[in-house]
Amino acid sequence: MRIGIYSPNWIGDSVLAIPFVQLLKKQEQGAEIIIVCKDWVCGVFENHPDVDEIISFSNFQLKGLLNLIETGNSLKKIKFEKFYTLTDSFRSAFILWLSCAKRRYGYRSQMRSIFLTDVKSLPSKITHRSEKYLNLLGKNNGTLTRPEIHLSNVETSWAKIEIEKLNLIKPIALFPFSVASNRNLPFEILKKWIKNSKSNYLIFGSKNDTVKGERLIKDCGGNRIKSICGKYSLRESMALIKMCDYAVASDSGLGHLAAVIGIPTISFFGVGIDTITSPIGKKSKIIKHCNPCLGSLCKDLDNDRVCIKKISSFDIEVAVDELSNQ
């Protein structure tokens, strides 16, 4: 039996979908699990023992009616017995319908139920996104299952050599940028943490973050900070993250990856809702702050919220030590 999973479109959400893949494989032993996703997230699922095949599409192939019809029709040859969509989009349900899968599962959203055979109502209360995905399989006990990322020995060996080439020993991974610009870590805060620090820093990001990465290096000065924004594939970046001492992250996909890979990860949430999209990891910590800064009003909003301007690099190191000793 072949079962399809239409993956979320963003790296962070795709990481949160991994527990769904893992549970589905346990429930449907012997079935082929096939991930259908956008090409920029397929690296999240590569080398996972519960994934039998990955079919990826470019952004162009998923835009416009004619392209959607062609993409959906191309999946007919797979002959899916079951097909789940983890996104709430009309487009994903339409593609499931075009694939002619016998059973098509998803949440009721965007007037798309006509394309699905098995429709479930969206959660009525705030639910972590990973748990929301799992609910499609009938799991609803409130426990978050830890995702697994599988890097090969070849990938890990390559990363060790590459870190040496970069002349950085146990660098701190920096993920200051996010797809949503209002989730970026403020430059002035980053400069305060990095400037005059004796630690090594490695900035990760996409090609679109290249200029911002170079600006951060210029503002902080010294040879202890380097940027690799846009220089490596997602899988290569994941392997390099594993070589880092710990990670300081904005609310971003890379923060989710670092938490799952297993290095201590401090994620800063200013706009995002951590109870819905927080990273899942044994050594992961969330720090909530106001974005933009609300000054003295900050303390009136949330007892768990701290002023990011009052956080020092020493405070981060203390938090990392606590995570490392867990």
Protein backbone atom coordinates (compact mmCIF):
# COMPACT_ATOMS: atom_id res chain seq x y z
CA MET A 1 0.00 0.00 0.00
CA ARG A 2 1.23 3.49 -0.89
CA ILE A 3 0.42 6.39 1.41
CA GLY A 4 1.13 10.00 0.48
CA ILE A 5 1.79 12.91 2.82
CA TYR A 6 1.51 16.43 1.42
CA SER A 7 4.08 18.26 3.52
CA PRO A 8 3.82 21.77 4.95
CA ASN A 9 5.53 24.40 2.80
CA TRP A 10 8.01 25.83 5.34
CA ILE A 11 11.06 24.24 6.95
CA GLY A 12 9.89 24.72 10.54
CA ASP A 13 6.44 23.29 9.87
CA SER A 14 7.98 20.39 7.94
CA VAL A 15 10.14 19.57 10.98
CA LEU A 16 6.99 19.62 13.13
CA ALA A 17 5.39 17.19 10.63
CA ILE A 18 8.05 14.52 11.20
CA PRO A 19 6.26 13.00 14.26
CA PHE A 20 3.23 12.51 11.99
CA VAL A 21 5.42 10.57 9.54
CA GLN A 22 6.90 8.48 12.35
CA LEU A 23 3.52 7.60 13.85
CA LEU A 24 1.94 6.85 10.47
CA LYS A 25 4.73 4.39 9.69
CA LYS A 26 4.06 2.60 12.99
CA GLN A 27 0.32 2.47 12.32
CA GLU A 28 0.71 1.34 8.72
CA GLN A 29 3.55 -1.15 8.93
CA GLY A 30 4.57 -2.42 5.53
CA ALA A 31 3.14 0.59 3.70
CA GLU A 32 5.27 2.82 1.49
CA ILE A 33 5.33 6.35 2.88
CA ILE A 34 5.79 8.94 0.14
CA ILE A 35 6.37 12.63 0.94
CA VAL A 36 5.04 15.17 -1.56
CA CYS A 37 6.57 18.58 -0.91
CA LYS A 38 8.08 21.78 -2.23
CA ASP A 39 11.68 21.31 -3.27
CA TRP A 40 13.14 23.61 -0.62
CA VAL A 41 11.91 21.43 2.28
CA CYS A 42 12.71 17.96 0.94
CA GLY A 43 16.04 17.96 2.82
CA VAL A 44 14.09 17.76 6.09
CA PHE A 45 12.85 14.28 5.17
CA GLU A 46 15.91 12.89 3.38
CA ASN A 47 17.56 9.81 4.90
CA HIS A 48 14.68 9.29 7.34
CA PRO A 49 14.08 5.54 7.79
CA ASP A 50 10.28 6.03 7.84
CA VAL A 51 10.26 7.76 4.43
CA ASP A 52 10.36 5.53 1.36
CA GLU A 53 10.25 8.20 -1.34
CA ILE A 54 10.21 11.98 -1.73
CA ILE A 55 8.48 13.68 -4.65
CA SER A 56 9.29 17.38 -4.77
CA PHE A 57 7.89 20.18 -6.90
CA SER A 58 9.18 23.65 -7.63
CA ASN A 59 7.23 26.75 -6.67
CA PHE A 60 6.45 27.26 -10.38
CA GLN A 61 4.86 23.78 -10.62
CA LEU A 62 2.48 24.68 -7.81
CA LYS A 63 1.37 28.06 -9.16
CA GLY A 64 -1.47 28.64 -11.57
CA LEU A 65 -4.38 26.36 -12.44
CA LEU A 66 -2.76 24.65 -15.44
CA ASN A 67 0.41 23.86 -13.50
CA LEU A 68 -1.62 22.55 -10.57
CA ILE A 69 -3.61 20.25 -12.84
CA GLU A 70 -0.42 18.94 -14.43
CA THR A 71 1.19 18.40 -11.02
CA GLY A 72 -1.85 16.62 -9.60
CA ASN A 73 -2.26 14.43 -12.66
CA SER A 74 1.42 13.44 -12.49
CA LEU A 75 0.70 11.75 -9.15
CA LYS A 76 -1.95 9.43 -10.57
CA LYS A 77 0.68 6.88 -11.57
CA ILE A 78 1.66 6.46 -7.90
CA LYS A 79 -1.78 4.95 -7.17
CA PHE A 80 -2.06 6.18 -3.60
CA GLU A 81 -4.35 4.17 -1.35
CA LYS A 82 -4.34 7.02 1.20
CA PHE A 83 -3.17 10.63 0.91
CA TYR A 84 -2.94 13.12 3.79
CA THR A 85 -2.55 16.88 3.47
CA LEU A 86 -0.92 18.59 6.44
CA THR A 87 -1.53 22.07 5.07
CA ASP A 88 -4.91 23.80 5.26
CA SER A 89 -4.72 25.17 1.72
CA PHE A 90 -7.28 24.71 -1.04
CA ARG A 91 -4.43 23.92 -3.42
CA SER A 92 -3.20 20.87 -1.50
CA ALA A 93 -6.70 19.32 -1.34
CA PHE A 94 -7.15 19.94 -5.07
CA ILE A 95 -3.88 18.12 -5.79
CA LEU A 96 -4.96 15.19 -3.59
CA TRP A 97 -8.19 14.96 -5.58
CA LEU A 98 -6.37 15.10 -8.91
CA SER A 99 -4.08 12.28 -7.77
CA CYS A 100 -7.14 9.98 -7.60
CA ALA A 101 -6.07 8.65 -4.20
CA LYS A 102 -8.81 6.39 -2.82
CA ARG A 103 -8.84 8.04 0.63
CA ARG A 104 -7.95 11.71 1.04
CA TYR A 105 -7.54 13.16 4.54
CA GLY A 106 -7.34 16.74 5.76
CA TYR A 107 -8.87 19.48 7.89
CA ARG A 108 -12.01 21.42 6.97
CA SER A 109 -10.68 24.72 5.60
CA GLN A 110 -10.98 27.14 2.66
CA MET A 111 -14.11 25.42 1.25
CA ARG A 112 -12.02 22.46 0.12
CA SER A 113 -13.91 19.59 1.74
CA ILE A 114 -15.41 18.56 -1.60
CA PHE A 115 -11.96 17.29 -2.63
CA LEU A 116 -11.45 15.16 0.49
CA THR A 117 -13.05 11.85 1.48
CA ASP A 118 -12.19 12.10 5.19
CA VAL A 119 -12.58 15.57 6.68
CA LYS A 120 -11.79 16.60 10.23
CA SER A 121 -12.69 19.87 11.95
CA LEU A 122 -9.84 22.16 12.94
CA PRO A 123 -8.92 22.12 16.66
CA SER A 124 -11.22 24.37 18.69
CA LYS A 125 -8.49 25.32 21.16
CA ILE A 126 -4.84 26.38 20.86
CA THR A 127 -2.90 23.31 19.78
CA HIS A 128 0.76 22.90 19.02
CA ARG A 129 1.18 22.45 15.28
CA SER A 130 2.86 19.07 15.62
CA GLU A 131 -0.06 17.84 17.73
CA LYS A 132 -2.49 19.26 15.19
CA TYR A 133 -0.92 17.10 12.49
CA LEU A 134 -1.00 14.03 14.74
CA ASN A 135 -4.70 14.59 15.42
CA LEU A 136 -5.40 13.57 11.82
CA LEU A 137 -4.31 10.08 12.87
CA GLY A 138 -6.59 10.08 15.91
CA LYS A 139 -3.81 10.88 18.40
CA ASN A 140 -4.87 13.52 20.92
CA ASN A 141 -3.19 13.01 24.29
CA GLY A 142 -1.38 16.36 24.42
CA THR A 143 2.08 14.80 24.36
CA LEU A 144 4.55 16.12 21.80
CA THR A 145 6.48 13.37 20.03
CA ARG A 146 10.11 14.21 19.34
CA PRO A 147 10.96 14.49 15.63
CA GLU A 148 14.05 12.73 14.27
CA ILE A 149 16.56 14.12 11.78
CA HIS A 150 18.92 11.56 10.27
CA LEU A 151 22.31 12.74 9.01
CA SER A 152 24.52 10.13 7.36
CA ASN A 153 28.11 9.42 8.41
CA VAL A 154 29.23 10.86 5.09
CA GLU A 155 27.41 14.13 5.77
CA THR A 156 28.82 14.38 9.29
CA SER A 157 32.38 13.64 8.13
CA TRP A 158 32.06 16.29 5.42
CA ALA A 159 30.86 18.86 7.98
CA LYS A 160 33.84 18.22 10.27
CA ILE A 161 36.22 18.93 7.39
CA GLU A 162 34.24 21.98 6.25
CA ILE A 163 34.27 23.53 9.74
CA GLU A 164 38.05 23.15 9.80
CA LYS A 165 38.25 24.93 6.43
CA LEU A 166 36.23 27.79 7.90
CA ASN A 167 38.83 27.94 10.71
CA LEU A 168 36.17 27.96 13.39
CA ILE A 169 36.38 25.76 16.47
CA LYS A 170 33.02 24.91 18.04
CA PRO A 171 31.29 28.04 16.74
CA ILE A 172 27.99 29.36 18.04
CA ALA A 173 25.35 29.02 15.33
CA LEU A 174 23.42 32.22 14.69
CA PHE A 175 20.02 32.13 12.97
CA PRO A 176 19.07 35.80 13.28
CA PHE A 177 16.87 35.93 10.19
CA SER A 178 13.40 34.62 9.42
CA VAL A 179 11.15 34.46 6.36
CA ALA A 180 8.95 36.97 8.19
CA SER A 181 11.13 40.07 8.69
CA ASN A 182 9.31 41.04 11.90
CA ARG A 183 10.70 37.84 13.49
CA ASN A 184 14.33 38.77 12.86
CA LEU A 185 16.55 39.31 15.89
CA PRO A 186 17.29 43.06 16.23
CA PHE A 187 20.75 44.04 14.93
CA GLU A 188 21.56 46.22 17.92
CA ILE A 189 20.92 43.28 20.27
CA LEU A 190 23.08 40.93 18.20
CA LYS A 191 25.92 43.46 18.18
CA LYS A 192 25.74 43.77 21.96
CA TRP A 193 26.02 39.99 22.34
CA ILE A 194 28.79 39.48 19.77
CA LYS A 195 31.02 42.54 19.96
CA ASN A 196 34.17 41.91 22.04
CA SER A 197 33.13 38.29 22.55
CA LYS A 198 35.89 35.66 22.49
CA SER A 199 33.55 33.04 21.01
CA ASN A 200 33.37 32.04 17.34
CA TYR A 201 30.09 32.72 15.51
CA LEU A 202 28.71 31.24 12.30
CA ILE A 203 25.75 33.00 10.65
CA PHE A 204 23.28 30.78 8.78
CA GLY A 205 20.63 31.99 6.36
CA SER A 206 19.34 31.94 2.81
CA LYS A 207 20.71 33.76 -0.26
CA ASN A 208 18.29 36.57 0.56
CA ASP A 209 20.09 37.05 3.89
CA THR A 210 23.60 37.43 2.39
CA VAL A 211 23.74 41.22 2.59
CA LYS A 212 22.36 41.27 6.14
CA GLY A 213 24.91 38.66 7.19
CA GLU A 214 27.80 40.68 5.79
CA ARG A 215 26.49 43.82 7.45
CA LEU A 216 26.39 42.04 10.80
CA ILE A 217 30.01 40.94 10.37
CA LYS A 218 31.04 44.50 9.51
CA ASP A 219 29.21 45.96 12.50
CA CYS A 220 30.68 43.43 14.94
CA GLY A 221 34.23 43.38 13.58
CA GLY A 222 36.96 40.80 14.16
CA ASN A 223 37.66 37.45 12.59
CA ARG A 224 35.55 35.40 14.96
CA ILE A 225 32.32 35.76 13.01
CA LYS A 226 31.63 34.42 9.53
CA SER A 227 28.55 34.18 7.34
CA ILE A 228 27.57 31.20 5.18
CA CYS A 229 24.20 32.61 4.15
CA GLY A 230 23.13 31.00 0.86
CA LYS A 231 26.39 29.10 0.42
CA TYR A 232 25.25 25.58 1.30
CA SER A 233 22.29 23.29 0.65
CA LEU A 234 19.79 22.59 3.42
CA ARG A 235 21.34 19.17 4.14
CA GLU A 236 24.85 20.66 4.25
CA SER A 237 23.64 23.41 6.59
CA MET A 238 22.08 20.79 8.87
CA ALA A 239 25.37 18.90 9.06
CA LEU A 240 27.25 22.12 9.85
CA ILE A 241 24.72 22.98 12.57
CA LYS A 242 25.57 19.67 14.23
CA MET A 243 29.21 20.83 14.49
CA CYS A 244 28.27 23.97 16.45
CA ASP A 245 28.49 24.40 20.22
CA TYR A 246 24.97 25.79 20.53
CA ALA A 247 22.48 27.87 18.56
CA VAL A 248 20.89 31.28 19.07
CA ALA A 249 17.81 31.50 16.88
CA SER A 250 15.00 33.73 15.81
CA ASP A 251 11.59 32.11 15.39
CA SER A 252 12.75 30.26 12.27
CA GLY A 253 13.03 26.94 10.47
CA LEU A 254 16.72 26.65 11.28
CA GLY A 255 15.90 26.97 14.99
CA HIS A 256 13.58 23.97 14.64
CA LEU A 257 16.30 21.98 12.87
CA ALA A 258 18.94 22.77 15.51
CA ALA A 259 16.61 21.70 18.33
CA VAL A 260 15.94 18.36 16.63
CA ILE A 261 19.57 17.80 15.65
CA GLY A 262 20.30 18.00 19.36
CA ILE A 263 22.55 20.98 20.05
CA PRO A 264 21.41 23.37 22.82
CA THR A 265 19.12 25.89 21.12
CA ILE A 266 17.86 29.22 22.48
CA SER A 267 14.94 30.48 20.37
CA PHE A 268 13.63 34.04 20.67
CA PHE A 269 9.89 34.49 20.08
CA GLY A 270 8.68 38.06 19.67
CA VAL A 271 5.76 37.78 17.25
CA GLY A 272 5.11 34.04 16.91
CA ILE A 273 3.01 32.10 19.43
CA ASP A 274 5.32 29.63 21.13
CA THR A 275 2.49 27.36 22.29
CA ILE A 276 1.73 26.70 18.60
CA THR A 277 5.10 26.71 16.84
CA SER A 278 7.83 26.23 19.46
CA PRO A 279 10.71 23.90 18.47
CA ILE A 280 10.66 20.39 19.91
CA GLY A 281 13.94 19.26 21.39
CA LYS A 282 15.41 17.94 24.61
CA LYS A 283 17.84 20.87 24.74
CA SER A 284 15.56 23.64 23.52
CA LYS A 285 14.58 26.81 25.42
CA ILE A 286 12.17 29.56 24.41
CA ILE A 287 12.70 33.19 25.42
CA LYS A 288 9.68 35.40 24.79
CA HIS A 289 10.13 39.12 24.22
CA CYS A 290 8.29 42.10 22.76
CA ASN A 291 8.81 42.89 19.09
CA PRO A 292 8.83 45.80 18.58
CA CYS A 293 10.05 46.85 22.02
CA LEU A 294 7.22 48.20 24.18
CA GLY A 295 9.38 49.65 26.91
CA SER A 296 7.80 49.62 30.37
CA LEU A 297 4.55 48.18 28.98
CA CYS A 298 6.28 44.85 28.29
CA LYS A 299 5.92 43.57 31.85
CA ASP A 300 2.16 44.18 31.77
CA LEU A 301 1.62 41.86 28.82
CA ASP A 302 2.96 38.52 29.96
CA ASN A 303 4.75 37.35 33.10
CA ASP A 304 6.83 34.99 30.98
CA ARG A 305 7.99 37.76 28.67
CA VAL A 306 11.39 39.38 29.18
CA CYS A 307 12.96 42.53 27.80
CA ILE A 308 15.40 41.44 25.11
CA LYS A 309 17.46 44.59 25.75
CA LYS A 310 18.26 43.35 29.24
CA ILE A 311 19.52 39.95 28.09
CA SER A 312 23.31 39.62 27.92
CA SER A 313 25.53 37.06 26.21
CA PHE A 314 26.30 35.79 29.73
CA ASP A 315 22.58 35.14 30.32
CA ILE A 316 22.48 33.08 27.12
CA GLU A 317 25.54 31.07 28.18
CA VAL A 318 23.92 30.32 31.56
CA ALA A 319 20.78 29.11 29.78
CA VAL A 320 22.90 26.92 27.47
CA ASP A 321 24.74 25.40 30.44
CA GLU A 322 21.38 24.53 32.02
CA LEU A 323 20.26 22.83 28.81
CA SER A 324 23.55 20.96 28.44
CA ASN A 325 23.29 19.54 31.96
CA GLN A 326 19.75 18.21 31.49
